[in-house]
Amino acid sequence: MTREELNIITESVFNNLLSQKYSSEELIKKITDLSEENGEELNANQFAMFLFYQNLEFTKDYINEVLENVLLNKNI
């Protein structure tokens, strides 16, 4: 695999995640759902924790998808 091919894979995975699972609409929906579960709007600490865990989840999903594409030789 060339560096250019890897760059194509990483960019594609990043864009797919941002446009689907981590789109602004999806994040707003998750925030709304979480607020409804709590019965009130998220305070600053809860919102920061939400963003922190979303970042961790995004990173995990990103790494998994990149590795899947690289190791299983999937064409994007």
C-alpha atoms as a PDB file:
ATOM      1  CA  MET A   1       0.000   0.000   0.000  1.00  0.00           C
ATOM      2  CA  THR A   2       1.286   3.419  -0.864  1.00  0.00           C
ATOM      3  CA  ARG A   3       1.114   6.530   1.290  1.00  0.00           C
ATOM      4  CA  GLU A   4      -1.352   8.030  -1.184  1.00  0.00           C
ATOM      5  CA  GLU A   5      -3.661   5.012  -0.900  1.00  0.00           C
ATOM      6  CA  LEU A   6      -3.524   5.248   2.897  1.00  0.00           C
ATOM      7  CA  ASN A   7      -4.341   8.965   2.718  1.00  0.00           C
ATOM      8  CA  ILE A   8      -7.345   8.209   0.517  1.00  0.00           C
ATOM      9  CA  ILE A   9      -8.591   5.609   3.009  1.00  0.00           C
ATOM     10  CA  THR A  10      -8.116   7.830   6.062  1.00  0.00           C
ATOM     11  CA  GLU A  11      -9.789  10.810   4.398  1.00  0.00           C
ATOM     12  CA  SER A  12     -12.692   8.702   3.178  1.00  0.00           C
ATOM     13  CA  VAL A  13     -13.290   7.107   6.581  1.00  0.00           C
ATOM     14  CA  PHE A  14     -13.092  10.490   8.299  1.00  0.00           C
ATOM     15  CA  ASN A  15     -15.576  12.073   5.903  1.00  0.00           C
ATOM     16  CA  ASN A  16     -17.972   9.116   6.109  1.00  0.00           C
ATOM     17  CA  LEU A  17     -18.007   9.186   9.893  1.00  0.00           C
ATOM     18  CA  LEU A  18     -18.537  12.954  10.007  1.00  0.00           C
ATOM     19  CA  SER A  19     -21.333  12.865   7.479  1.00  0.00           C
ATOM     20  CA  GLN A  20     -23.150   9.889   8.988  1.00  0.00           C
ATOM     21  CA  LYS A  21     -22.689   8.672  12.551  1.00  0.00           C
ATOM     22  CA  TYR A  22     -21.139  11.911  13.855  1.00  0.00           C
ATOM     23  CA  SER A  23     -22.997  14.481  11.791  1.00  0.00           C
ATOM     24  CA  SER A  24     -24.212  17.596  13.565  1.00  0.00           C
ATOM     25  CA  GLU A  25     -27.770  16.300  13.265  1.00  0.00           C
ATOM     26  CA  GLU A  26     -26.851  13.019  14.964  1.00  0.00           C
ATOM     27  CA  LEU A  27     -24.956  14.792  17.740  1.00  0.00           C
ATOM     28  CA  ILE A  28     -27.866  17.161  18.372  1.00  0.00           C
ATOM     29  CA  LYS A  29     -30.204  14.163  18.511  1.00  0.00           C
ATOM     30  CA  LYS A  30     -27.928  12.435  21.037  1.00  0.00           C
ATOM     31  CA  ILE A  31     -27.707  15.601  23.155  1.00  0.00           C
ATOM     32  CA  THR A  32     -31.495  15.994  23.053  1.00  0.00           C
ATOM     33  CA  ASP A  33     -32.021  12.354  24.011  1.00  0.00           C
ATOM     34  CA  LEU A  34     -29.547  12.657  26.879  1.00  0.00           C
ATOM     35  CA  SER A  35     -31.205  15.867  28.096  1.00  0.00           C
ATOM     36  CA  GLU A  36     -34.609  14.177  28.009  1.00  0.00           C
ATOM     37  CA  GLU A  37     -33.245  11.240  30.003  1.00  0.00           C
ATOM     38  CA  ASN A  38     -31.945  13.666  32.634  1.00  0.00           C
ATOM     39  CA  GLY A  39     -35.143  15.699  32.585  1.00  0.00           C
ATOM     40  CA  GLU A  40     -33.208  18.924  32.065  1.00  0.00           C
ATOM     41  CA  GLU A  41     -30.633  20.538  29.805  1.00  0.00           C
ATOM     42  CA  LEU A  42     -27.073  19.367  30.193  1.00  0.00           C
ATOM     43  CA  ASN A  43     -24.935  21.554  32.396  1.00  0.00           C
ATOM     44  CA  ALA A  44     -21.420  22.561  31.319  1.00  0.00           C
ATOM     45  CA  ASN A  45     -19.767  19.553  32.967  1.00  0.00           C
ATOM     46  CA  GLN A  46     -22.232  17.077  31.482  1.00  0.00           C
ATOM     47  CA  PHE A  47     -21.820  18.636  28.051  1.00  0.00           C
ATOM     48  CA  ALA A  48     -18.025  18.466  28.335  1.00  0.00           C
ATOM     49  CA  MET A  49     -18.238  14.814  29.355  1.00  0.00           C
ATOM     50  CA  PHE A  50     -20.595  14.120  26.444  1.00  0.00           C
ATOM     51  CA  LEU A  51     -18.118  15.666  24.000  1.00  0.00           C
ATOM     52  CA  PHE A  52     -15.210  13.803  25.589  1.00  0.00           C
ATOM     53  CA  TYR A  53     -16.910  10.427  25.214  1.00  0.00           C
ATOM     54  CA  GLN A  54     -18.109  11.226  21.698  1.00  0.00           C
ATOM     55  CA  ASN A  55     -14.509  12.039  20.816  1.00  0.00           C
ATOM     56  CA  LEU A  56     -13.336   8.717  22.238  1.00  0.00           C
ATOM     57  CA  GLU A  57     -16.040   6.841  20.364  1.00  0.00           C
ATOM     58  CA  PHE A  58     -15.225   8.680  17.126  1.00  0.00           C
ATOM     59  CA  THR A  59     -11.529   7.870  17.511  1.00  0.00           C
ATOM     60  CA  LYS A  60     -12.276   4.191  18.134  1.00  0.00           C
ATOM     61  CA  ASP A  61     -14.620   3.992  15.150  1.00  0.00           C
ATOM     62  CA  TYR A  62     -12.126   5.854  12.958  1.00  0.00           C
ATOM     63  CA  ILE A  63      -9.226   3.578  13.864  1.00  0.00           C
ATOM     64  CA  ASN A  64     -11.355   0.450  13.452  1.00  0.00           C
ATOM     65  CA  GLU A  65     -12.594   1.466  10.007  1.00  0.00           C
ATOM     66  CA  VAL A  66      -9.151   2.517   8.777  1.00  0.00           C
ATOM     67  CA  LEU A  67      -7.584  -0.714   9.992  1.00  0.00           C
ATOM     68  CA  GLU A  68     -10.419  -2.749   8.520  1.00  0.00           C
ATOM     69  CA  ASN A  69      -9.886  -1.103   5.145  1.00  0.00           C
ATOM     70  CA  VAL A  70      -6.110  -1.474   5.280  1.00  0.00           C
ATOM     71  CA  LEU A  71      -5.890  -4.990   6.686  1.00  0.00           C
ATOM     72  CA  LEU A  72      -8.752  -6.441   4.684  1.00  0.00           C
ATOM     73  CA  ASN A  73      -7.679  -4.616   1.530  1.00  0.00           C
ATOM     74  CA  LYS A  74     -11.064  -3.035   0.991  1.00  0.00           C
ATOM     75  CA  ASN A  75     -11.281  -0.551  -1.807  1.00  0.00           C
ATOM     76  CA  ILE A  76     -12.948   2.708  -0.977  1.00  0.00           C
END
